[in-house]
Amino acid sequence: MAQRISVVLNKDVSKLGNNGDLVEVAPGYARNFLIPQGAATIATRGIIKQVEARREKERQIKLAIKQEAEDKKTALKTIGRLLIKKQVGEGNAIFGSVTAQEVADLIKEKAMLDVDKKGIEVPDVSSTGEYQVEVKLHPEVSATVNIEVAPL
């Protein structure tokens, strides 16, 4: 088998790797395609150190984002129950439904936290009462918020 060389990818390459990855490829593939296209550079000690430093920086940023999500989760636990007032018909059935946008607005009002409405999972609310809403703050962090639907 031919000798392989290590290169660092400068951009995403299909079926090979993502930007910043250190991969081993055939010398001809690197020399004839990857390097002329600007998709990769030959891996030297200095470049490998730069890649490792960049990965460490990205890891620190991801940790900071996760910590921020954990802080938001703690803040959401302290706000207690959110009250949503809706128009009510017979048998305590509400008109309309409780939306993720309404929950996000209430969280912003009560806890001064910006929460993306796309990460809020509201159960099927058809009558007054207490419900639990799941709020995804991060792929690994989610919080549960109690809401109470009451008549106007």
Protein backbone atom coordinates (compact mmCIF):
# COMPACT_ATOMS: atom_id res chain seq x y z
CA MET A 1 0.00 0.00 0.00
CA ALA A 2 1.27 3.45 -0.86
CA GLN A 3 2.39 5.86 1.81
CA ARG A 4 -0.25 8.35 2.96
CA ILE A 5 0.32 11.96 3.95
CA SER A 6 -1.41 14.08 6.58
CA VAL A 7 -3.22 17.23 5.51
CA VAL A 8 -5.34 19.79 7.32
CA LEU A 9 -8.59 20.62 5.55
CA ASN A 10 -9.25 24.32 4.87
CA LYS A 11 -12.90 23.70 3.99
CA ASP A 12 -15.44 20.89 4.18
CA VAL A 13 -14.73 18.08 1.71
CA SER A 14 -17.47 15.56 1.00
CA LYS A 15 -16.73 12.06 2.34
CA LEU A 16 -13.40 13.22 3.78
CA GLY A 17 -13.93 15.66 6.62
CA ASN A 18 -14.80 19.13 7.82
CA ASN A 19 -12.85 22.38 8.00
CA GLY A 20 -9.91 22.02 10.39
CA ASP A 21 -9.84 18.22 10.40
CA LEU A 22 -6.51 16.43 10.20
CA VAL A 23 -6.85 13.58 7.69
CA GLU A 24 -4.57 11.16 5.92
CA VAL A 25 -4.91 10.92 2.15
CA ALA A 26 -3.03 9.48 -0.77
CA PRO A 27 -0.14 11.73 -1.91
CA GLY A 28 -1.57 12.08 -5.43
CA TYR A 29 -4.99 13.12 -4.16
CA ALA A 30 -3.42 15.80 -1.99
CA ARG A 31 -0.95 17.00 -4.62
CA ASN A 32 -3.35 16.95 -7.61
CA PHE A 33 -6.68 17.93 -6.09
CA LEU A 34 -6.83 19.09 -2.48
CA ILE A 35 -3.88 21.51 -2.39
CA PRO A 36 -4.49 23.17 -5.83
CA GLN A 37 -8.17 23.64 -4.99
CA GLY A 38 -7.22 25.30 -1.68
CA ALA A 39 -9.13 22.62 0.20
CA ALA A 40 -6.14 21.47 2.26
CA THR A 41 -2.58 22.23 3.33
CA ILE A 42 0.13 19.77 4.22
CA ALA A 43 0.21 19.19 7.97
CA THR A 44 3.36 20.54 9.61
CA ARG A 45 4.01 20.79 13.34
CA GLY A 46 3.09 24.48 13.36
CA ILE A 47 -0.17 23.91 11.50
CA ILE A 48 -1.08 21.00 13.77
CA LYS A 49 -0.52 23.25 16.81
CA GLN A 50 -2.77 25.90 15.25
CA VAL A 51 -5.48 23.30 14.63
CA GLU A 52 -5.25 22.06 18.22
CA ALA A 53 -5.42 25.63 19.55
CA ARG A 54 -8.49 26.33 17.39
CA ARG A 55 -10.19 23.14 18.59
CA GLU A 56 -9.50 24.03 22.21
CA LYS A 57 -10.95 27.50 21.66
CA GLU A 58 -14.07 26.01 20.05
CA ARG A 59 -14.41 23.59 22.96
CA GLN A 60 -14.21 26.48 25.45
CA ILE A 61 -16.89 28.38 23.52
CA LYS A 62 -19.18 25.33 23.52
CA LEU A 63 -18.66 24.92 27.27
CA ALA A 64 -19.53 28.58 27.83
CA ILE A 65 -22.72 28.23 25.78
CA LYS A 66 -23.72 25.11 27.74
CA GLN A 67 -23.01 26.89 31.04
CA GLU A 68 -25.20 29.80 29.93
CA ALA A 69 -28.00 27.30 29.20
CA GLU A 70 -27.55 25.78 32.67
CA ASP A 71 -27.84 29.28 34.20
CA LYS A 72 -31.05 29.88 32.24
CA LYS A 73 -32.41 26.54 33.49
CA THR A 74 -31.76 27.61 37.07
CA ALA A 75 -33.46 30.95 36.45
CA LEU A 76 -36.49 29.21 34.94
CA LYS A 77 -36.81 26.99 38.03
CA THR A 78 -36.99 30.05 40.27
CA ILE A 79 -39.85 31.82 38.46
CA GLY A 80 -42.43 29.30 39.63
CA ARG A 81 -45.70 29.13 37.72
CA LEU A 82 -46.60 31.26 34.71
CA LEU A 83 -50.19 32.46 34.45
CA ILE A 84 -51.86 32.57 31.03
CA LYS A 85 -55.35 34.06 30.81
CA LYS A 86 -57.63 32.79 28.04
CA GLN A 87 -61.25 33.24 27.09
CA VAL A 88 -63.24 30.25 28.40
CA GLY A 89 -66.42 28.57 27.14
CA GLU A 90 -68.52 25.71 28.51
CA GLY A 91 -66.80 23.12 30.67
CA ASN A 92 -63.70 25.27 31.15
CA ALA A 93 -62.74 24.72 27.52
CA ILE A 94 -60.57 27.54 26.19
CA PHE A 95 -60.96 29.29 22.87
CA GLY A 96 -57.83 28.91 20.77
CA SER A 97 -54.72 27.36 22.23
CA VAL A 98 -51.61 28.23 24.18
CA THR A 99 -48.74 28.86 21.78
CA ALA A 100 -45.00 28.62 22.21
CA GLN A 101 -44.78 32.37 21.45
CA GLU A 102 -47.07 33.17 24.39
CA VAL A 103 -44.91 31.07 26.71
CA ALA A 104 -41.72 32.69 25.37
CA ASP A 105 -43.20 36.18 25.92
CA LEU A 106 -44.20 35.30 29.50
CA ILE A 107 -40.72 33.93 30.25
CA LYS A 108 -39.20 37.14 28.90
CA GLU A 109 -41.57 39.24 30.98
CA LYS A 110 -41.16 37.32 34.25
CA ALA A 111 -37.54 36.13 34.13
CA MET A 112 -36.00 38.62 31.68
CA LEU A 113 -34.69 35.67 29.62
CA ASP A 114 -34.78 35.39 25.86
CA VAL A 115 -35.91 31.88 24.94
CA ASP A 116 -36.32 30.71 21.36
CA LYS A 117 -39.93 29.72 20.73
CA LYS A 118 -38.75 26.85 18.52
CA GLY A 119 -37.34 25.13 21.60
CA ILE A 120 -40.62 25.28 23.53
CA GLU A 121 -42.84 22.20 23.46
CA VAL A 122 -46.35 23.09 24.64
CA PRO A 123 -48.68 20.15 25.37
CA ASP A 124 -52.18 20.08 23.89
CA VAL A 125 -53.98 22.63 26.08
CA SER A 126 -57.75 22.51 25.61
CA SER A 127 -59.06 23.55 29.02
CA THR A 128 -58.08 25.54 32.07
CA GLY A 129 -55.67 23.99 34.54
CA GLU A 130 -51.99 23.42 35.18
CA TYR A 131 -49.61 22.10 32.55
CA GLN A 132 -45.90 21.47 32.19
CA VAL A 133 -44.02 22.96 29.25
CA GLU A 134 -40.64 21.61 28.08
CA VAL A 135 -38.11 24.32 27.15
CA LYS A 136 -35.00 23.22 25.23
CA LEU A 137 -32.18 25.64 26.03
CA HIS A 138 -29.32 23.60 24.54
CA PRO A 139 -29.09 20.18 22.89
CA GLU A 140 -28.07 18.75 26.28
CA VAL A 141 -30.03 21.09 28.59
CA SER A 142 -33.78 21.41 28.94
CA ALA A 143 -36.02 22.85 31.64
CA THR A 144 -39.61 22.30 32.68
CA VAL A 145 -41.83 25.32 33.27
CA ASN A 146 -45.23 25.11 34.97
CA ILE A 147 -48.01 27.14 33.39
CA GLU A 148 -51.52 27.74 34.64
CA VAL A 149 -54.29 28.48 32.16
CA ALA A 150 -57.00 30.56 33.82
CA PRO A 151 -60.17 32.29 32.59
CA LEU A 152 -60.08 35.98 31.71
